Amino acid sequence: MSSEVDVDDTIEGIIADRLRVDRSAFDDDTPFDGETLDADSLDVVEAAEAVDVNLGVHVPDAELEAIETVGELKSFVRAELG
């Protein structure tokens, strides 16, 4: 998973699967706790765990608390992958 597109696609798939939302319903600016995704803290933790399993990037709790949108999660993962 080296390309930015693969990372984005994987994260979008995780979010769509975990939160049972169609990929077309959200974008990088969509907040996790907003009306579209309606994710609670457990949902976000489960998505982060799936990111760890699928992409090998651990999102520490302190970082996870600061991540508010889909795009912020993607940016964090891309930065960690270098």
N, C-alpha and C. Protein backbone atom coordinates (compact mmCIF):
# COMPACT_ATOMS: atom_id res chain seq x y z
N MET A 1 0.84 -1.18 0.00
CA MET A 1 0.00 0.00 0.00
C MET A 1 0.88 1.24 0.00
N SER A 2 1.44 1.53 -1.10
CA SER A 2 2.36 2.65 -1.11
C SER A 2 1.74 3.93 -1.65
N SER A 3 0.79 3.81 -2.52
CA SER A 3 0.26 5.03 -3.13
C SER A 3 -0.81 5.69 -2.26
N GLU A 4 -0.91 7.00 -2.42
CA GLU A 4 -1.89 7.78 -1.69
C GLU A 4 -3.31 7.32 -2.01
N VAL A 5 -3.54 6.95 -3.27
CA VAL A 5 -4.87 6.51 -3.68
C VAL A 5 -5.24 5.21 -2.96
N ASP A 6 -4.29 4.27 -2.86
CA ASP A 6 -4.56 3.02 -2.16
C ASP A 6 -4.88 3.26 -0.69
N VAL A 7 -4.13 4.14 -0.05
CA VAL A 7 -4.37 4.46 1.36
C VAL A 7 -5.75 5.07 1.52
N ASP A 8 -6.07 6.05 0.69
CA ASP A 8 -7.38 6.70 0.76
C ASP A 8 -8.50 5.70 0.52
N ASP A 9 -8.33 4.86 -0.47
CA ASP A 9 -9.34 3.87 -0.81
C ASP A 9 -9.56 2.89 0.35
N THR A 10 -8.48 2.45 0.95
CA THR A 10 -8.58 1.53 2.08
C THR A 10 -9.29 2.18 3.26
N ILE A 11 -8.93 3.40 3.58
CA ILE A 11 -9.56 4.10 4.70
C ILE A 11 -11.04 4.35 4.42
N GLU A 12 -11.36 4.76 3.21
CA GLU A 12 -12.77 4.97 2.86
C GLU A 12 -13.55 3.67 2.97
N GLY A 13 -12.95 2.56 2.55
CA GLY A 13 -13.60 1.26 2.66
C GLY A 13 -13.85 0.87 4.11
N ILE A 14 -12.87 1.13 4.96
CA ILE A 14 -13.01 0.83 6.39
C ILE A 14 -14.15 1.65 6.98
N ILE A 15 -14.18 2.93 6.68
CA ILE A 15 -15.23 3.80 7.23
C ILE A 15 -16.60 3.37 6.72
N ALA A 16 -16.69 3.11 5.44
CA ALA A 16 -17.98 2.68 4.87
C ALA A 16 -18.45 1.38 5.50
N ASP A 17 -17.53 0.44 5.68
CA ASP A 17 -17.87 -0.86 6.25
C ASP A 17 -18.24 -0.75 7.73
N ARG A 18 -17.40 -0.10 8.50
CA ARG A 18 -17.62 -0.02 9.95
C ARG A 18 -18.85 0.81 10.32
N LEU A 19 -19.08 1.86 9.56
CA LEU A 19 -20.18 2.77 9.91
C LEU A 19 -21.42 2.54 9.04
N ARG A 20 -21.34 1.56 8.16
CA ARG A 20 -22.47 1.20 7.29
C ARG A 20 -23.02 2.41 6.53
N VAL A 21 -22.09 3.09 5.87
CA VAL A 21 -22.44 4.27 5.08
C VAL A 21 -21.85 4.09 3.69
N ASP A 22 -22.61 4.45 2.67
CA ASP A 22 -22.10 4.38 1.31
C ASP A 22 -20.96 5.35 1.12
N ARG A 23 -19.94 4.94 0.39
CA ARG A 23 -18.77 5.79 0.16
C ARG A 23 -19.13 7.14 -0.46
N SER A 24 -20.15 7.17 -1.28
CA SER A 24 -20.52 8.42 -1.94
C SER A 24 -21.16 9.42 -0.97
N ALA A 25 -21.48 8.97 0.25
CA ALA A 25 -22.15 9.84 1.22
C ALA A 25 -21.19 10.72 2.01
N PHE A 26 -19.87 10.43 1.91
CA PHE A 26 -18.93 11.23 2.68
C PHE A 26 -17.70 11.57 1.86
N ASP A 27 -16.97 12.61 2.33
CA ASP A 27 -15.72 13.00 1.69
C ASP A 27 -14.72 13.38 2.77
N ASP A 28 -13.60 13.97 2.38
CA ASP A 28 -12.55 14.29 3.34
C ASP A 28 -12.98 15.30 4.40
N ASP A 29 -13.95 16.14 4.10
CA ASP A 29 -14.39 17.16 5.05
C ASP A 29 -15.49 16.67 6.00
N THR A 30 -15.93 15.44 5.83
CA THR A 30 -17.02 14.91 6.64
C THR A 30 -16.53 14.59 8.06
N PRO A 31 -17.17 15.20 9.07
CA PRO A 31 -16.78 14.89 10.45
C PRO A 31 -17.32 13.53 10.89
N PHE A 32 -16.54 12.86 11.73
CA PHE A 32 -16.99 11.56 12.22
C PHE A 32 -18.25 11.67 13.07
N ASP A 33 -18.36 12.74 13.85
CA ASP A 33 -19.51 12.86 14.74
C ASP A 33 -20.67 13.66 14.14
N GLY A 34 -20.59 13.95 12.87
CA GLY A 34 -21.66 14.70 12.20
C GLY A 34 -22.82 13.81 11.80
N GLU A 35 -23.78 14.41 11.17
CA GLU A 35 -25.01 13.71 10.78
C GLU A 35 -24.76 12.57 9.80
N THR A 36 -23.83 12.74 8.89
CA THR A 36 -23.60 11.73 7.85
C THR A 36 -23.05 10.43 8.41
N LEU A 37 -21.98 10.51 9.19
CA LEU A 37 -21.35 9.29 9.72
C LEU A 37 -21.90 8.90 11.08
N ASP A 38 -22.28 9.88 11.87
CA ASP A 38 -22.89 9.65 13.19
C ASP A 38 -22.10 8.62 14.01
N ALA A 39 -20.78 8.77 14.02
CA ALA A 39 -19.91 7.83 14.72
C ALA A 39 -19.73 8.23 16.17
N ASP A 40 -19.86 7.24 17.06
CA ASP A 40 -19.52 7.52 18.45
C ASP A 40 -18.05 7.14 18.66
N SER A 41 -17.56 7.34 19.86
CA SER A 41 -16.13 7.11 20.11
C SER A 41 -15.72 5.66 19.86
N LEU A 42 -16.59 4.72 20.16
CA LEU A 42 -16.28 3.30 19.91
C LEU A 42 -16.16 3.03 18.41
N ASP A 43 -17.03 3.63 17.62
CA ASP A 43 -16.96 3.48 16.16
C ASP A 43 -15.61 3.97 15.64
N VAL A 44 -15.16 5.10 16.15
CA VAL A 44 -13.90 5.69 15.69
C VAL A 44 -12.73 4.80 16.11
N VAL A 45 -12.78 4.28 17.33
CA VAL A 45 -11.73 3.37 17.81
C VAL A 45 -11.69 2.11 16.94
N GLU A 46 -12.84 1.56 16.62
CA GLU A 46 -12.89 0.36 15.77
C GLU A 46 -12.35 0.65 14.38
N ALA A 47 -12.64 1.81 13.84
CA ALA A 47 -12.10 2.19 12.53
C ALA A 47 -10.59 2.32 12.61
N ALA A 48 -10.09 2.91 13.69
CA ALA A 48 -8.63 3.05 13.88
C ALA A 48 -7.97 1.69 14.01
N GLU A 49 -8.62 0.75 14.70
CA GLU A 49 -8.08 -0.60 14.82
C GLU A 49 -8.02 -1.28 13.45
N ALA A 50 -9.03 -1.04 12.64
CA ALA A 50 -9.04 -1.61 11.28
C ALA A 50 -7.94 -1.00 10.43
N VAL A 51 -7.66 0.29 10.63
CA VAL A 51 -6.55 0.94 9.92
C VAL A 51 -5.24 0.27 10.32
N ASP A 52 -5.08 -0.01 11.60
CA ASP A 52 -3.88 -0.68 12.10
C ASP A 52 -3.71 -2.05 11.45
N VAL A 53 -4.78 -2.82 11.41
CA VAL A 53 -4.73 -4.16 10.83
C VAL A 53 -4.47 -4.12 9.32
N ASN A 54 -5.16 -3.23 8.63
CA ASN A 54 -5.08 -3.20 7.16
C ASN A 54 -3.89 -2.43 6.60
N LEU A 55 -3.45 -1.41 7.31
CA LEU A 55 -2.38 -0.56 6.79
C LEU A 55 -1.13 -0.57 7.66
N GLY A 56 -1.22 -1.18 8.85
CA GLY A 56 -0.06 -1.24 9.73
C GLY A 56 0.28 0.07 10.40
N VAL A 57 -0.71 0.95 10.53
CA VAL A 57 -0.49 2.24 11.18
C VAL A 57 -1.34 2.31 12.44
N HIS A 58 -0.65 2.40 13.58
CA HIS A 58 -1.34 2.54 14.86
C HIS A 58 -1.65 4.02 15.09
N VAL A 59 -2.88 4.31 15.45
CA VAL A 59 -3.29 5.68 15.77
C VAL A 59 -3.41 5.76 17.29
N PRO A 60 -2.46 6.42 17.94
CA PRO A 60 -2.52 6.54 19.41
C PRO A 60 -3.79 7.26 19.86
N ASP A 61 -4.24 6.94 21.07
CA ASP A 61 -5.48 7.53 21.58
C ASP A 61 -5.46 9.05 21.56
N ALA A 62 -4.35 9.64 21.93
CA ALA A 62 -4.26 11.11 21.95
C ALA A 62 -4.45 11.69 20.55
N GLU A 63 -3.87 11.04 19.55
CA GLU A 63 -4.04 11.49 18.17
C GLU A 63 -5.47 11.26 17.71
N LEU A 64 -6.02 10.11 18.08
CA LEU A 64 -7.38 9.76 17.65
C LEU A 64 -8.40 10.76 18.18
N GLU A 65 -8.20 11.22 19.40
CA GLU A 65 -9.12 12.21 19.98
C GLU A 65 -9.09 13.52 19.21
N ALA A 66 -7.96 13.83 18.59
CA ALA A 66 -7.82 15.10 17.85
C ALA A 66 -8.32 15.00 16.41
N ILE A 67 -8.48 13.79 15.91
CA ILE A 67 -8.93 13.59 14.52
C ILE A 67 -10.45 13.74 14.47
N GLU A 68 -10.90 14.70 13.68
CA GLU A 68 -12.33 14.99 13.62
C GLU A 68 -12.97 14.63 12.28
N THR A 69 -12.17 14.61 11.21
CA THR A 69 -12.75 14.35 9.88
C THR A 69 -12.08 13.17 9.19
N VAL A 70 -12.71 12.69 8.16
CA VAL A 70 -12.16 11.61 7.35
C VAL A 70 -10.80 12.03 6.77
N GLY A 71 -10.72 13.25 6.29
CA GLY A 71 -9.47 13.74 5.70
C GLY A 71 -8.34 13.81 6.71
N GLU A 72 -8.65 14.17 7.95
CA GLU A 72 -7.62 14.22 8.99
C GLU A 72 -7.08 12.83 9.28
N LEU A 73 -7.94 11.82 9.26
CA LEU A 73 -7.48 10.45 9.46
C LEU A 73 -6.57 10.03 8.31
N LYS A 74 -6.99 10.33 7.10
CA LYS A 74 -6.16 10.00 5.92
C LYS A 74 -4.81 10.67 6.01
N SER A 75 -4.79 11.95 6.36
CA SER A 75 -3.53 12.69 6.45
C SER A 75 -2.62 12.09 7.51
N PHE A 76 -3.17 11.73 8.65
CA PHE A 76 -2.36 11.12 9.72
C PHE A 76 -1.73 9.82 9.23
N VAL A 77 -2.53 8.98 8.60
CA VAL A 77 -2.02 7.68 8.13
C VAL A 77 -0.95 7.88 7.06
N ARG A 78 -1.19 8.77 6.11
CA ARG A 78 -0.19 9.04 5.06
C ARG A 78 1.12 9.53 5.66
N ALA A 79 1.03 10.42 6.66
CA ALA A 79 2.24 10.95 7.32
C ALA A 79 3.00 9.85 8.02
N GLU A 80 2.28 8.92 8.65
CA GLU A 80 2.93 7.82 9.35
C GLU A 80 3.59 6.84 8.38
N LEU A 81 3.00 6.70 7.22
CA LEU A 81 3.57 5.78 6.22
C LEU A 81 4.76 6.40 5.50
N GLY A 82 4.89 7.72 5.65
CA GLY A 82 6.05 8.42 5.07
C GLY A 82 5.88 8.70 3.64
